[in-house]
């Protein structure tokens, strides 16, 4: 019997730079415009860049060994002022790179980055219930569904629920 090898992509996470935008937009555009997992089906490139890069605490990209962008994520305070100790994050992975551990690696990295920024917890405000792969992954990585928003997302097949998911973060000692 021949040994079984699982091909793995090398995934490096680094801070986003402005030169990454064309590659990030190429990933975000079809995901957002599909209207299946994000509530931004008609978002413009300028609006997407504001949302993903300018109005956040930090944006990162996952790249391969050739610095090709595989995915991206951002971190930002979930609420201002007295709610700013909990962060929010969002992730996108290039369709051709799904199933290779990119989202897992970015989520793990985002928790470390959020802890370094002083956030005490991470919350996903709007995980579409039909995005079962994401729900499974976030639960595997320690997030819990803390509430359900009934019929919150207008999918092509009708309104579906969205979940609020939450996880306490581990403090990182300096």
C-alpha atoms as a PDB file:
ATOM      1  CA  UNK A   1       0.000   0.000   0.000  1.00  0.00           C
ATOM      2  CA  UNK A   2       1.387   3.386  -1.018  1.00  0.00           C
ATOM      3  CA  UNK A   3       1.757   6.034   1.700  1.00  0.00           C
ATOM      4  CA  UNK A   4      -0.888   8.745   1.715  1.00  0.00           C
ATOM      5  CA  UNK A   5       0.381  12.290   1.448  1.00  0.00           C
ATOM      6  CA  UNK A   6      -1.749  15.308   2.050  1.00  0.00           C
ATOM      7  CA  UNK A   7      -0.656  18.304   0.009  1.00  0.00           C
ATOM      8  CA  UNK A   8      -0.398  21.407   2.159  1.00  0.00           C
ATOM      9  CA  UNK A   9       0.053  24.964   1.085  1.00  0.00           C
ATOM     10  CA  UNK A  10       2.564  27.102   2.969  1.00  0.00           C
ATOM     11  CA  UNK A  11       0.555  29.825   4.684  1.00  0.00           C
ATOM     12  CA  UNK A  12       2.265  32.945   5.971  1.00  0.00           C
ATOM     13  CA  UNK A  13       0.345  35.779   7.616  1.00  0.00           C
ATOM     14  CA  UNK A  14       1.636  39.323   7.333  1.00  0.00           C
ATOM     15  CA  UNK A  15       0.261  42.842   7.724  1.00  0.00           C
ATOM     16  CA  UNK A  16      -1.666  44.164   4.737  1.00  0.00           C
ATOM     17  CA  UNK A  17       0.043  46.766   2.525  1.00  0.00           C
ATOM     18  CA  UNK A  18      -1.652  49.067   0.008  1.00  0.00           C
ATOM     19  CA  UNK A  19      -0.111  47.067  -2.849  1.00  0.00           C
ATOM     20  CA  UNK A  20      -2.159  44.044  -1.676  1.00  0.00           C
ATOM     21  CA  UNK A  21      -5.480  45.728  -2.445  1.00  0.00           C
ATOM     22  CA  UNK A  22      -5.909  44.485  -6.046  1.00  0.00           C
ATOM     23  CA  UNK A  23      -5.463  40.871  -4.894  1.00  0.00           C
ATOM     24  CA  UNK A  24      -7.683  41.343  -1.834  1.00  0.00           C
ATOM     25  CA  UNK A  25     -10.394  43.019  -3.931  1.00  0.00           C
ATOM     26  CA  UNK A  26     -10.207  40.133  -6.419  1.00  0.00           C
ATOM     27  CA  UNK A  27     -11.045  37.797  -3.517  1.00  0.00           C
ATOM     28  CA  UNK A  28     -13.630  40.022  -1.788  1.00  0.00           C
ATOM     29  CA  UNK A  29     -15.552  41.068  -4.908  1.00  0.00           C
ATOM     30  CA  UNK A  30     -17.034  37.692  -5.908  1.00  0.00           C
ATOM     31  CA  UNK A  31     -17.701  36.725  -2.274  1.00  0.00           C
ATOM     32  CA  UNK A  32     -19.521  39.952  -1.443  1.00  0.00           C
ATOM     33  CA  UNK A  33     -21.354  40.140  -4.768  1.00  0.00           C
ATOM     34  CA  UNK A  34     -22.570  36.530  -4.464  1.00  0.00           C
ATOM     35  CA  UNK A  35     -24.718  37.632  -1.526  1.00  0.00           C
ATOM     36  CA  UNK A  36     -24.424  34.299   0.294  1.00  0.00           C
ATOM     37  CA  UNK A  37     -22.271  35.058   3.329  1.00  0.00           C
ATOM     38  CA  UNK A  38     -21.833  38.836   3.585  1.00  0.00           C
ATOM     39  CA  UNK A  39     -24.593  41.450   3.466  1.00  0.00           C
ATOM     40  CA  UNK A  40     -22.803  43.570   0.839  1.00  0.00           C
ATOM     41  CA  UNK A  41     -24.036  42.320  -2.520  1.00  0.00           C
ATOM     42  CA  UNK A  42     -23.868  45.735  -4.215  1.00  0.00           C
ATOM     43  CA  UNK A  43     -20.738  47.112  -2.551  1.00  0.00           C
ATOM     44  CA  UNK A  44     -18.368  49.169  -4.689  1.00  0.00           C
ATOM     45  CA  UNK A  45     -14.603  48.767  -4.644  1.00  0.00           C
ATOM     46  CA  UNK A  46     -14.153  52.061  -2.754  1.00  0.00           C
ATOM     47  CA  UNK A  47     -16.757  51.038  -0.159  1.00  0.00           C
ATOM     48  CA  UNK A  48     -15.135  47.619   0.214  1.00  0.00           C
ATOM     49  CA  UNK A  49     -11.699  49.131   0.731  1.00  0.00           C
ATOM     50  CA  UNK A  50     -13.085  51.521   3.355  1.00  0.00           C
ATOM     51  CA  UNK A  51     -14.828  48.623   5.103  1.00  0.00           C
ATOM     52  CA  UNK A  52     -11.928  46.123   4.912  1.00  0.00           C
ATOM     53  CA  UNK A  53      -8.892  48.385   5.300  1.00  0.00           C
ATOM     54  CA  UNK A  54      -9.569  51.940   6.423  1.00  0.00           C
ATOM     55  CA  UNK A  55     -12.175  51.560   9.168  1.00  0.00           C
ATOM     56  CA  UNK A  56     -10.457  48.790  11.127  1.00  0.00           C
ATOM     57  CA  UNK A  57      -7.668  48.370  13.676  1.00  0.00           C
ATOM     58  CA  UNK A  58      -5.593  46.092  11.467  1.00  0.00           C
ATOM     59  CA  UNK A  59      -5.805  44.142   8.232  1.00  0.00           C
ATOM     60  CA  UNK A  60      -3.688  41.094   7.432  1.00  0.00           C
ATOM     61  CA  UNK A  61      -3.178  38.903   4.404  1.00  0.00           C
ATOM     62  CA  UNK A  62      -2.453  35.202   4.180  1.00  0.00           C
ATOM     63  CA  UNK A  63       0.129  34.550   1.478  1.00  0.00           C
ATOM     64  CA  UNK A  64       1.950  31.561   0.053  1.00  0.00           C
ATOM     65  CA  UNK A  65       5.726  31.180  -0.242  1.00  0.00           C
ATOM     66  CA  UNK A  66       5.651  33.398  -3.376  1.00  0.00           C
ATOM     67  CA  UNK A  67       3.737  36.183  -1.565  1.00  0.00           C
ATOM     68  CA  UNK A  68       0.571  35.390  -3.523  1.00  0.00           C
ATOM     69  CA  UNK A  69      -2.476  36.483  -1.521  1.00  0.00           C
ATOM     70  CA  UNK A  70      -4.614  33.503  -0.465  1.00  0.00           C
ATOM     71  CA  UNK A  71      -6.966  35.361   1.868  1.00  0.00           C
ATOM     72  CA  UNK A  72      -7.344  38.308   4.189  1.00  0.00           C
ATOM     73  CA  UNK A  73      -8.875  39.303   7.503  1.00  0.00           C
ATOM     74  CA  UNK A  74      -9.385  42.397   9.588  1.00  0.00           C
ATOM     75  CA  UNK A  75      -9.750  43.170  13.288  1.00  0.00           C
ATOM     76  CA  UNK A  76     -11.648  46.115  14.716  1.00  0.00           C
ATOM     77  CA  UNK A  77     -13.373  47.037  17.973  1.00  0.00           C
ATOM     78  CA  UNK A  78     -16.832  45.519  18.016  1.00  0.00           C
ATOM     79  CA  UNK A  79     -18.264  48.660  19.617  1.00  0.00           C
ATOM     80  CA  UNK A  80     -16.807  52.070  20.522  1.00  0.00           C
ATOM     81  CA  UNK A  81     -15.644  53.215  23.943  1.00  0.00           C
ATOM     82  CA  UNK A  82     -17.040  50.963  26.675  1.00  0.00           C
ATOM     83  CA  UNK A  83     -17.468  48.053  24.245  1.00  0.00           C
ATOM     84  CA  UNK A  84     -14.065  48.418  22.601  1.00  0.00           C
ATOM     85  CA  UNK A  85     -12.443  45.633  24.645  1.00  0.00           C
ATOM     86  CA  UNK A  86     -14.207  43.064  22.429  1.00  0.00           C
ATOM     87  CA  UNK A  87     -13.127  42.867  18.811  1.00  0.00           C
ATOM     88  CA  UNK A  88     -14.845  41.845  15.645  1.00  0.00           C
ATOM     89  CA  UNK A  89     -13.105  40.102  12.758  1.00  0.00           C
ATOM     90  CA  UNK A  90     -13.994  39.021   9.241  1.00  0.00           C
ATOM     91  CA  UNK A  91     -12.263  36.664   6.839  1.00  0.00           C
ATOM     92  CA  UNK A  92     -12.178  35.964   3.106  1.00  0.00           C
ATOM     93  CA  UNK A  93     -10.362  33.149   1.331  1.00  0.00           C
ATOM     94  CA  UNK A  94      -9.733  32.896  -2.396  1.00  0.00           C
ATOM     95  CA  UNK A  95     -12.135  30.339  -3.822  1.00  0.00           C
ATOM     96  CA  UNK A  96      -9.258  28.307  -5.308  1.00  0.00           C
ATOM     97  CA  UNK A  97      -7.589  28.059  -1.878  1.00  0.00           C
ATOM     98  CA  UNK A  98     -10.529  26.809   0.175  1.00  0.00           C
ATOM     99  CA  UNK A  99     -10.111  23.572   2.086  1.00  0.00           C
ATOM    100  CA  UNK A 100      -6.371  24.095   2.523  1.00  0.00           C
ATOM    101  CA  UNK A 101      -6.392  25.521   6.055  1.00  0.00           C
ATOM    102  CA  UNK A 102      -6.187  29.204   5.118  1.00  0.00           C
ATOM    103  CA  UNK A 103      -9.263  30.270   7.125  1.00  0.00           C
ATOM    104  CA  UNK A 104      -8.157  28.210  10.140  1.00  0.00           C
ATOM    105  CA  UNK A 105      -4.699  29.750  10.089  1.00  0.00           C
ATOM    106  CA  UNK A 106      -6.077  33.283   9.711  1.00  0.00           C
ATOM    107  CA  UNK A 107      -8.544  32.768  12.568  1.00  0.00           C
ATOM    108  CA  UNK A 108      -5.804  31.459  14.858  1.00  0.00           C
ATOM    109  CA  UNK A 109      -3.532  34.360  13.873  1.00  0.00           C
ATOM    110  CA  UNK A 110      -6.337  36.890  14.361  1.00  0.00           C
ATOM    111  CA  UNK A 111      -6.901  35.717  17.926  1.00  0.00           C
ATOM    112  CA  UNK A 112      -3.205  36.189  18.718  1.00  0.00           C
ATOM    113  CA  UNK A 113      -3.134  39.594  16.987  1.00  0.00           C
ATOM    114  CA  UNK A 114      -6.296  40.674  18.818  1.00  0.00           C
ATOM    115  CA  UNK A 115      -4.831  39.628  22.164  1.00  0.00           C
ATOM    116  CA  UNK A 116      -1.664  41.603  21.409  1.00  0.00           C
ATOM    117  CA  UNK A 117      -3.854  44.640  20.680  1.00  0.00           C
ATOM    118  CA  UNK A 118      -5.433  44.241  24.127  1.00  0.00           C
ATOM    119  CA  UNK A 119      -8.801  42.793  23.128  1.00  0.00           C
ATOM    120  CA  UNK A 120     -10.298  40.432  25.714  1.00  0.00           C
ATOM    121  CA  UNK A 121     -12.748  38.612  23.444  1.00  0.00           C
ATOM    122  CA  UNK A 122     -13.691  38.199  19.790  1.00  0.00           C
ATOM    123  CA  UNK A 123     -17.241  38.301  18.493  1.00  0.00           C
ATOM    124  CA  UNK A 124     -18.684  37.555  15.077  1.00  0.00           C
ATOM    125  CA  UNK A 125     -21.896  39.570  14.830  1.00  0.00           C
ATOM    126  CA  UNK A 126     -23.485  38.039  11.767  1.00  0.00           C
ATOM    127  CA  UNK A 127     -22.560  34.487  10.744  1.00  0.00           C
ATOM    128  CA  UNK A 128     -25.136  33.389   8.188  1.00  0.00           C
ATOM    129  CA  UNK A 129     -26.587  30.084   9.390  1.00  0.00           C
ATOM    130  CA  UNK A 130     -26.428  28.540   5.921  1.00  0.00           C
ATOM    131  CA  UNK A 131     -22.666  29.121   5.859  1.00  0.00           C
ATOM    132  CA  UNK A 132     -22.257  25.769   7.608  1.00  0.00           C
ATOM    133  CA  UNK A 133     -18.558  25.432   6.794  1.00  0.00           C
ATOM    134  CA  UNK A 134     -17.777  28.666   8.619  1.00  0.00           C
ATOM    135  CA  UNK A 135     -20.032  27.809  11.570  1.00  0.00           C
ATOM    136  CA  UNK A 136     -18.306  24.410  11.925  1.00  0.00           C
ATOM    137  CA  UNK A 137     -14.837  25.953  11.676  1.00  0.00           C
ATOM    138  CA  UNK A 138     -15.514  28.713  14.192  1.00  0.00           C
ATOM    139  CA  UNK A 139     -16.960  26.159  16.646  1.00  0.00           C
ATOM    140  CA  UNK A 140     -13.926  23.908  16.117  1.00  0.00           C
ATOM    141  CA  UNK A 141     -11.723  26.903  16.970  1.00  0.00           C
ATOM    142  CA  UNK A 142     -13.564  27.517  20.234  1.00  0.00           C
ATOM    143  CA  UNK A 143     -16.290  29.998  19.301  1.00  0.00           C
ATOM    144  CA  UNK A 144     -19.757  29.456  20.713  1.00  0.00           C
ATOM    145  CA  UNK A 145     -23.066  30.498  19.251  1.00  0.00           C
ATOM    146  CA  UNK A 146     -24.370  32.884  21.903  1.00  0.00           C
ATOM    147  CA  UNK A 147     -27.512  33.957  20.096  1.00  0.00           C
ATOM    148  CA  UNK A 148     -29.517  33.646  16.919  1.00  0.00           C
ATOM    149  CA  UNK A 149     -31.044  36.493  14.941  1.00  0.00           C
ATOM    150  CA  UNK A 150     -34.130  34.993  13.276  1.00  0.00           C
ATOM    151  CA  UNK A 151     -34.480  35.541   9.525  1.00  0.00           C
ATOM    152  CA  UNK A 152     -31.754  38.213   9.569  1.00  0.00           C
ATOM    153  CA  UNK A 153     -30.193  37.493   6.174  1.00  0.00           C
ATOM    154  CA  UNK A 154     -32.048  37.826   2.896  1.00  0.00           C
ATOM    155  CA  UNK A 155     -30.703  34.925   0.856  1.00  0.00           C
ATOM    156  CA  UNK A 156     -31.850  34.024  -2.642  1.00  0.00           C
ATOM    157  CA  UNK A 157     -33.940  31.221  -1.119  1.00  0.00           C
ATOM    158  CA  UNK A 158     -35.592  33.458   1.466  1.00  0.00           C
ATOM    159  CA  UNK A 159     -34.673  34.867   4.847  1.00  0.00           C
ATOM    160  CA  UNK A 160     -32.360  32.738   6.985  1.00  0.00           C
ATOM    161  CA  UNK A 161     -31.034  33.066  10.515  1.00  0.00           C
ATOM    162  CA  UNK A 162     -27.702  34.610  11.478  1.00  0.00           C
ATOM    163  CA  UNK A 163     -25.634  33.676  14.512  1.00  0.00           C
ATOM    164  CA  UNK A 164     -23.679  35.779  16.968  1.00  0.00           C
ATOM    165  CA  UNK A 165     -20.541  33.833  17.887  1.00  0.00           C
ATOM    166  CA  UNK A 166     -18.149  34.680  20.721  1.00  0.00           C
ATOM    167  CA  UNK A 167     -14.876  33.556  22.265  1.00  0.00           C
ATOM    168  CA  UNK A 168     -12.838  34.806  25.217  1.00  0.00           C
ATOM    169  CA  UNK A 169      -9.227  35.421  24.177  1.00  0.00           C
ATOM    170  CA  UNK A 170      -6.139  34.241  25.978  1.00  0.00           C
ATOM    171  CA  UNK A 171      -3.949  37.014  27.334  1.00  0.00           C
ATOM    172  CA  UNK A 172      -0.507  37.104  25.732  1.00  0.00           C
ATOM    173  CA  UNK A 173       2.293  37.992  28.101  1.00  0.00           C
ATOM    174  CA  UNK A 174       4.884  40.440  26.823  1.00  0.00           C
END
